[in-house]
Amino acid sequence: MKTLEFKLQLNKAQSQQVDSWLDVQRWVWNEGLALLKDFEAQRTYNKHDKAYAPCCPIPWEYHWEKDDAGR
């Protein structure tokens, strides 16, 4: 595989803008990792299936409401 490498010659304003973009990307990455860790921590062992299954710590119910067309 061939790769090309370019050296950017940025002025101060451009450099600050790129740094702010990288900060945002770093934040998004870290938040995603934190969500994955939380999700993994909320798994339970299902004895019936003999496997780990995700669970939600907050009980919730899904209510299906039909629209006026009766679908």
PDB file of N, CA and C in Angstrom:
ATOM      1  N   MET A   1       0.843  -1.166   0.000  1.00  0.00           N
ATOM      2  CA  MET A   1       0.000   0.000   0.000  1.00  0.00           C
ATOM      3  C   MET A   1       0.895   1.239   0.000  1.00  0.00           C
ATOM      4  N   LYS A   2       0.573   2.160  -0.864  1.00  0.00           N
ATOM      5  CA  LYS A   2       1.306   3.419  -0.920  1.00  0.00           C
ATOM      6  C   LYS A   2       0.559   4.477  -0.126  1.00  0.00           C
ATOM      7  N   THR A   3       1.301   5.318   0.523  1.00  0.00           N
ATOM      8  CA  THR A   3       0.697   6.437   1.246  1.00  0.00           C
ATOM      9  C   THR A   3       1.412   7.717   0.871  1.00  0.00           C
ATOM     10  N   LEU A   4       0.689   8.788   0.962  1.00  0.00           N
ATOM     11  CA  LEU A   4       1.262  10.103   0.725  1.00  0.00           C
ATOM     12  C   LEU A   4       1.198  10.890   2.014  1.00  0.00           C
ATOM     13  N   GLU A   5       2.214  11.675   2.272  1.00  0.00           N
ATOM     14  CA  GLU A   5       2.240  12.493   3.470  1.00  0.00           C
ATOM     15  C   GLU A   5       2.440  13.937   3.054  1.00  0.00           C
ATOM     16  N   PHE A   6       1.608  14.804   3.601  1.00  0.00           N
ATOM     17  CA  PHE A   6       1.687  16.219   3.294  1.00  0.00           C
ATOM     18  C   PHE A   6       1.961  16.995   4.570  1.00  0.00           C
ATOM     19  N   LYS A   7       2.800  17.977   4.498  1.00  0.00           N
ATOM     20  CA  LYS A   7       3.070  18.858   5.625  1.00  0.00           C
ATOM     21  C   LYS A   7       2.251  20.122   5.415  1.00  0.00           C
ATOM     22  N   LEU A   8       1.370  20.405   6.379  1.00  0.00           N
ATOM     23  CA  LEU A   8       0.555  21.607   6.291  1.00  0.00           C
ATOM     24  C   LEU A   8       1.315  22.788   6.868  1.00  0.00           C
ATOM     25  N   GLN A   9       1.223  23.904   6.198  1.00  0.00           N
ATOM     26  CA  GLN A   9       1.837  25.135   6.679  1.00  0.00           C
ATOM     27  C   GLN A   9       0.693  26.069   7.065  1.00  0.00           C
ATOM     28  N   LEU A  10       0.276  25.969   8.322  1.00  0.00           N
ATOM     29  CA  LEU A  10      -0.884  26.713   8.789  1.00  0.00           C
ATOM     30  C   LEU A  10      -0.460  27.996   9.490  1.00  0.00           C
ATOM     31  N   ASN A  11      -1.295  29.022   9.337  1.00  0.00           N
ATOM     32  CA  ASN A  11      -1.046  30.219  10.128  1.00  0.00           C
ATOM     33  C   ASN A  11      -1.646  30.005  11.519  1.00  0.00           C
ATOM     34  N   LYS A  12      -1.542  30.988  12.393  1.00  0.00           N
ATOM     35  CA  LYS A  12      -1.970  30.821  13.776  1.00  0.00           C
ATOM     36  C   LYS A  12      -3.479  30.555  13.884  1.00  0.00           C
ATOM     37  N   ALA A  13      -4.283  31.286  13.132  1.00  0.00           N
ATOM     38  CA  ALA A  13      -5.735  31.102  13.185  1.00  0.00           C
ATOM     39  C   ALA A  13      -6.127  29.703  12.699  1.00  0.00           C
ATOM     40  N   GLN A  14      -5.518  29.257  11.612  1.00  0.00           N
ATOM     41  CA  GLN A  14      -5.819  27.930  11.086  1.00  0.00           C
ATOM     42  C   GLN A  14      -5.390  26.848  12.075  1.00  0.00           C
ATOM     43  N   SER A  15      -4.242  27.039  12.693  1.00  0.00           N
ATOM     44  CA  SER A  15      -3.748  26.083  13.675  1.00  0.00           C
ATOM     45  C   SER A  15      -4.692  25.986  14.869  1.00  0.00           C
ATOM     46  N   GLN A  16      -5.194  27.117  15.327  1.00  0.00           N
ATOM     47  CA  GLN A  16      -6.143  27.115  16.435  1.00  0.00           C
ATOM     48  C   GLN A  16      -7.446  26.422  16.039  1.00  0.00           C
ATOM     49  N   GLN A  17      -7.888  26.628  14.809  1.00  0.00           N
ATOM     50  CA  GLN A  17      -9.115  25.979  14.335  1.00  0.00           C
ATOM     51  C   GLN A  17      -8.941  24.468  14.278  1.00  0.00           C
ATOM     52  N   VAL A  18      -7.819  24.005  13.760  1.00  0.00           N
ATOM     53  CA  VAL A  18      -7.557  22.564  13.691  1.00  0.00           C
ATOM     54  C   VAL A  18      -7.469  21.980  15.103  1.00  0.00           C
ATOM     55  N   ASP A  19      -6.835  22.694  16.018  1.00  0.00           N
ATOM     56  CA  ASP A  19      -6.744  22.234  17.404  1.00  0.00           C
ATOM     57  C   ASP A  19      -8.128  22.124  18.038  1.00  0.00           C
ATOM     58  N   SER A  20      -9.005  23.070  17.762  1.00  0.00           N
ATOM     59  CA  SER A  20     -10.359  22.993  18.322  1.00  0.00           C
ATOM     60  C   SER A  20     -11.120  21.807  17.733  1.00  0.00           C
ATOM     61  N   TRP A  21     -10.944  21.521  16.439  1.00  0.00           N
ATOM     62  CA  TRP A  21     -11.577  20.351  15.828  1.00  0.00           C
ATOM     63  C   TRP A  21     -11.072  19.066  16.483  1.00  0.00           C
ATOM     64  N   LEU A  22      -9.776  18.999  16.720  1.00  0.00           N
ATOM     65  CA  LEU A  22      -9.210  17.805  17.349  1.00  0.00           C
ATOM     66  C   LEU A  22      -9.714  17.644  18.775  1.00  0.00           C
ATOM     67  N   ASP A  23      -9.897  18.751  19.492  1.00  0.00           N
ATOM     68  CA  ASP A  23     -10.451  18.678  20.840  1.00  0.00           C
ATOM     69  C   ASP A  23     -11.868  18.117  20.821  1.00  0.00           C
ATOM     70  N   VAL A  24     -12.667  18.561  19.861  1.00  0.00           N
ATOM     71  CA  VAL A  24     -14.040  18.059  19.738  1.00  0.00           C
ATOM     72  C   VAL A  24     -14.025  16.575  19.394  1.00  0.00           C
ATOM     73  N   GLN A  25     -13.174  16.178  18.466  1.00  0.00           N
ATOM     74  CA  GLN A  25     -13.093  14.771  18.088  1.00  0.00           C
ATOM     75  C   GLN A  25     -12.634  13.916  19.267  1.00  0.00           C
ATOM     76  N   ARG A  26     -11.701  14.405  20.044  1.00  0.00           N
ATOM     77  CA  ARG A  26     -11.228  13.682  21.222  1.00  0.00           C
ATOM     78  C   ARG A  26     -12.365  13.513  22.232  1.00  0.00           C
ATOM     79  N   TRP A  27     -13.156  14.586  22.427  1.00  0.00           N
ATOM     80  CA  TRP A  27     -14.281  14.524  23.355  1.00  0.00           C
ATOM     81  C   TRP A  27     -15.311  13.490  22.898  1.00  0.00           C
ATOM     82  N   VAL A  28     -15.639  13.504  21.597  1.00  0.00           N
ATOM     83  CA  VAL A  28     -16.621  12.550  21.058  1.00  0.00           C
ATOM     84  C   VAL A  28     -16.112  11.120  21.238  1.00  0.00           C
ATOM     85  N   TRP A  29     -14.847  10.885  20.957  1.00  0.00           N
ATOM     86  CA  TRP A  29     -14.253   9.552  21.099  1.00  0.00           C
ATOM     87  C   TRP A  29     -14.337   9.082  22.552  1.00  0.00           C
ATOM     88  N   ASN A  30     -13.954   9.955  23.487  1.00  0.00           N
ATOM     89  CA  ASN A  30     -13.970   9.587  24.898  1.00  0.00           C
ATOM     90  C   ASN A  30     -15.388   9.354  25.407  1.00  0.00           C
ATOM     91  N   GLU A  31     -16.350  10.154  24.953  1.00  0.00           N
ATOM     92  CA  GLU A  31     -17.742   9.934  25.341  1.00  0.00           C
ATOM     93  C   GLU A  31     -18.250   8.591  24.810  1.00  0.00           C
ATOM     94  N   GLY A  32     -17.882   8.269  23.577  1.00  0.00           N
ATOM     95  CA  GLY A  32     -18.272   6.978  23.010  1.00  0.00           C
ATOM     96  C   GLY A  32     -17.686   5.821  23.799  1.00  0.00           C
ATOM     97  N   LEU A  33     -16.425   5.935  24.190  1.00  0.00           N
ATOM     98  CA  LEU A  33     -15.802   4.890  24.997  1.00  0.00           C
ATOM     99  C   LEU A  33     -16.490   4.761  26.355  1.00  0.00           C
ATOM    100  N   ALA A  34     -16.842   5.891  26.958  1.00  0.00           N
ATOM    101  CA  ALA A  34     -17.530   5.859  28.249  1.00  0.00           C
ATOM    102  C   ALA A  34     -18.896   5.181  28.114  1.00  0.00           C
ATOM    103  N   LEU A  35     -19.612   5.466  27.033  1.00  0.00           N
ATOM    104  CA  LEU A  35     -20.906   4.824  26.813  1.00  0.00           C
ATOM    105  C   LEU A  35     -20.752   3.317  26.620  1.00  0.00           C
ATOM    106  N   LEU A  36     -19.715   2.912  25.897  1.00  0.00           N
ATOM    107  CA  LEU A  36     -19.476   1.478  25.718  1.00  0.00           C
ATOM    108  C   LEU A  36     -19.152   0.802  27.044  1.00  0.00           C
ATOM    109  N   LYS A  37     -18.342   1.461  27.880  1.00  0.00           N
ATOM    110  CA  LYS A  37     -18.015   0.898  29.186  1.00  0.00           C
ATOM    111  C   LYS A  37     -19.266   0.777  30.048  1.00  0.00           C
ATOM    112  N   ASP A  38     -20.129   1.793  30.023  1.00  0.00           N
ATOM    113  CA  ASP A  38     -21.380   1.725  30.777  1.00  0.00           C
ATOM    114  C   ASP A  38     -22.264   0.592  30.269  1.00  0.00           C
ATOM    115  N   PHE A  39     -22.339   0.442  28.957  1.00  0.00           N
ATOM    116  CA  PHE A  39     -23.149  -0.614  28.368  1.00  0.00           C
ATOM    117  C   PHE A  39     -22.628  -1.986  28.794  1.00  0.00           C
ATOM    118  N   GLU A  40     -21.309  -2.168  28.744  1.00  0.00           N
ATOM    119  CA  GLU A  40     -20.716  -3.445  29.130  1.00  0.00           C
ATOM    120  C   GLU A  40     -20.953  -3.734  30.610  1.00  0.00           C
ATOM    121  N   ALA A  41     -20.953  -2.695  31.441  1.00  0.00           N
ATOM    122  CA  ALA A  41     -21.161  -2.878  32.876  1.00  0.00           C
ATOM    123  C   ALA A  41     -22.598  -3.269  33.187  1.00  0.00           C
ATOM    124  N   GLN A  42     -23.520  -3.028  32.275  1.00  0.00           N
ATOM    125  CA  GLN A  42     -24.934  -3.299  32.519  1.00  0.00           C
ATOM    126  C   GLN A  42     -25.396  -4.611  31.889  1.00  0.00           C
ATOM    127  N   ARG A  43     -24.457  -5.481  31.580  1.00  0.00           N
ATOM    128  CA  ARG A  43     -24.839  -6.780  31.032  1.00  0.00           C
ATOM    129  C   ARG A  43     -25.142  -7.741  32.174  1.00  0.00           C
ATOM    130  N   THR A  44     -26.037  -8.663  31.936  1.00  0.00           N
ATOM    131  CA  THR A  44     -26.342  -9.694  32.921  1.00  0.00           C
ATOM    132  C   THR A  44     -26.228 -11.059  32.251  1.00  0.00           C
ATOM    133  N   TYR A  45     -26.022 -12.067  33.081  1.00  0.00           N
ATOM    134  CA  TYR A  45     -25.921 -13.423  32.567  1.00  0.00           C
ATOM    135  C   TYR A  45     -27.311 -14.040  32.499  1.00  0.00           C
ATOM    136  N   ASN A  46     -27.717 -14.449  31.322  1.00  0.00           N
ATOM    137  CA  ASN A  46     -29.021 -15.070  31.108  1.00  0.00           C
ATOM    138  C   ASN A  46     -28.842 -16.583  31.242  1.00  0.00           C
ATOM    139  N   LYS A  47     -29.398 -17.160  32.305  1.00  0.00           N
ATOM    140  CA  LYS A  47     -29.216 -18.597  32.556  1.00  0.00           C
ATOM    141  C   LYS A  47     -29.906 -19.449  31.497  1.00  0.00           C
ATOM    142  N   HIS A  48     -31.014 -18.958  30.949  1.00  0.00           N
ATOM    143  CA  HIS A  48     -31.747 -19.728  29.951  1.00  0.00           C
ATOM    144  C   HIS A  48     -30.933 -19.886  28.671  1.00  0.00           C
ATOM    145  N   ASP A  49     -30.403 -18.784  28.163  1.00  0.00           N
ATOM    146  CA  ASP A  49     -29.618 -18.819  26.920  1.00  0.00           C
ATOM    147  C   ASP A  49     -28.148 -19.120  27.170  1.00  0.00           C
ATOM    148  N   LYS A  50     -27.733 -19.090  28.439  1.00  0.00           N
ATOM    149  CA  LYS A  50     -26.337 -19.294  28.829  1.00  0.00           C
ATOM    150  C   LYS A  50     -25.420 -18.329  28.087  1.00  0.00           C
ATOM    151  N   ALA A  51     -25.810 -17.061  28.121  1.00  0.00           N
ATOM    152  CA  ALA A  51     -25.033 -16.016  27.465  1.00  0.00           C
ATOM    153  C   ALA A  51     -25.275 -14.708  28.199  1.00  0.00           C
ATOM    154  N   TYR A  52     -24.403 -13.755  27.933  1.00  0.00           N
ATOM    155  CA  TYR A  52     -24.585 -12.432  28.506  1.00  0.00           C
ATOM    156  C   TYR A  52     -25.570 -11.643  27.651  1.00  0.00           C
ATOM    157  N   ALA A  53     -26.450 -10.921  28.314  1.00  0.00           N
ATOM    158  CA  ALA A  53     -27.438 -10.114  27.609  1.00  0.00           C
ATOM    159  C   ALA A  53     -27.419  -8.702  28.178  1.00  0.00           C
ATOM    160  N   PRO A  54     -27.580  -7.695  27.328  1.00  0.00           N
ATOM    161  CA  PRO A  54     -27.623  -6.326  27.864  1.00  0.00           C
ATOM    162  C   PRO A  54     -28.916  -6.105  28.637  1.00  0.00           C
ATOM    163  N   CYS A  55     -28.823  -5.285  29.640  1.00  0.00           N
ATOM    164  CA  CYS A  55     -30.018  -4.931  30.391  1.00  0.00           C
ATOM    165  C   CYS A  55     -30.007  -3.427  30.638  1.00  0.00           C
ATOM    166  N   CYS A  56     -31.143  -2.925  30.976  1.00  0.00           N
ATOM    167  CA  CYS A  56     -31.278  -1.496  31.217  1.00  0.00           C
ATOM    168  C   CYS A  56     -31.546  -1.293  32.703  1.00  0.00           C
ATOM    169  N   PRO A  57     -30.789  -0.419  33.378  1.00  0.00           N
ATOM    170  CA  PRO A  57     -31.013  -0.225  34.805  1.00  0.00           C
ATOM    171  C   PRO A  57     -32.311   0.524  35.114  1.00  0.00           C
ATOM    172  N   ILE A  58     -32.892   1.159  34.122  1.00  0.00           N
ATOM    173  CA  ILE A  58     -34.116   1.916  34.308  1.00  0.00           C
ATOM    174  C   ILE A  58     -35.264   1.120  33.689  1.00  0.00           C
ATOM    175  N   PRO A  59     -36.265   0.722  34.497  1.00  0.00           N
ATOM    176  CA  PRO A  59     -37.383  -0.021  33.902  1.00  0.00           C
ATOM    177  C   PRO A  59     -38.181   0.870  32.954  1.00  0.00           C
ATOM    178  N   TRP A  60     -38.564   0.323  31.823  1.00  0.00           N
ATOM    179  CA  TRP A  60     -39.334   1.092  30.853  1.00  0.00           C
ATOM    180  C   TRP A  60     -40.271   0.154  30.122  1.00  0.00           C
ATOM    181  N   GLU A  61     -41.296   0.722  29.554  1.00  0.00           N
ATOM    182  CA  GLU A  61     -42.259  -0.035  28.763  1.00  0.00           C
ATOM    183  C   GLU A  61     -42.464   0.676  27.437  1.00  0.00           C
ATOM    184  N   TYR A  62     -42.761  -0.110  26.424  1.00  0.00           N
ATOM    185  CA  TYR A  62     -43.027   0.449  25.111  1.00  0.00           C
ATOM    186  C   TYR A  62     -44.517   0.346  24.851  1.00  0.00           C
ATOM    187  N   HIS A  63     -45.167   1.448  24.578  1.00  0.00           N
ATOM    188  CA  HIS A  63     -46.593   1.463  24.292  1.00  0.00           C
ATOM    189  C   HIS A  63     -46.799   1.746  22.810  1.00  0.00           C
ATOM    190  N   TRP A  64     -47.470   0.823  22.145  1.00  0.00           N
ATOM    191  CA  TRP A  64     -47.731   0.985  20.726  1.00  0.00           C
ATOM    192  C   TRP A  64     -49.090   1.641  20.563  1.00  0.00           C
ATOM    193  N   GLU A  65     -49.118   2.783  19.902  1.00  0.00           N
ATOM    194  CA  GLU A  65     -50.375   3.470  19.660  1.00  0.00           C
ATOM    195  C   GLU A  65     -50.655   3.469  18.171  1.00  0.00           C
ATOM    196  N   LYS A  66     -51.854   2.999  17.805  1.00  0.00           N
ATOM    197  CA  LYS A  66     -52.233   2.990  16.399  1.00  0.00           C
ATOM    198  C   LYS A  66     -52.636   4.389  15.990  1.00  0.00           C
ATOM    199  N   ASP A  67     -52.323   4.741  14.755  1.00  0.00           N
ATOM    200  CA  ASP A  67     -52.730   6.071  14.271  1.00  0.00           C
ATOM    201  C   ASP A  67     -54.180   6.010  13.798  1.00  0.00           C
ATOM    202  N   ASP A  68     -54.689   7.111  13.320  1.00  0.00           N
ATOM    203  CA  ASP A  68     -56.087   7.224  12.923  1.00  0.00           C
ATOM    204  C   ASP A  68     -56.449   6.305  11.758  1.00  0.00           C
ATOM    205  N   ALA A  69     -55.481   5.950  10.910  1.00  0.00           N
ATOM    206  CA  ALA A  69     -55.756   5.107   9.758  1.00  0.00           C
ATOM    207  C   ALA A  69     -55.903   3.639  10.165  1.00  0.00           C
ATOM    208  N   GLY A  70     -55.599   3.307  11.440  1.00  0.00           N
ATOM    209  CA  GLY A  70     -55.764   1.944  11.902  1.00  0.00           C
ATOM    210  C   GLY A  70     -54.619   1.030  11.529  1.00  0.00           C
ATOM    211  N   ARG A  71     -53.477   1.603  11.223  1.00  0.00           N
ATOM    212  CA  ARG A  71     -52.315   0.786  10.869  1.00  0.00           C
ATOM    213  C   ARG A  71     -51.687   0.200  12.081  1.00  0.00           C
TER     214      ARG A  71
END
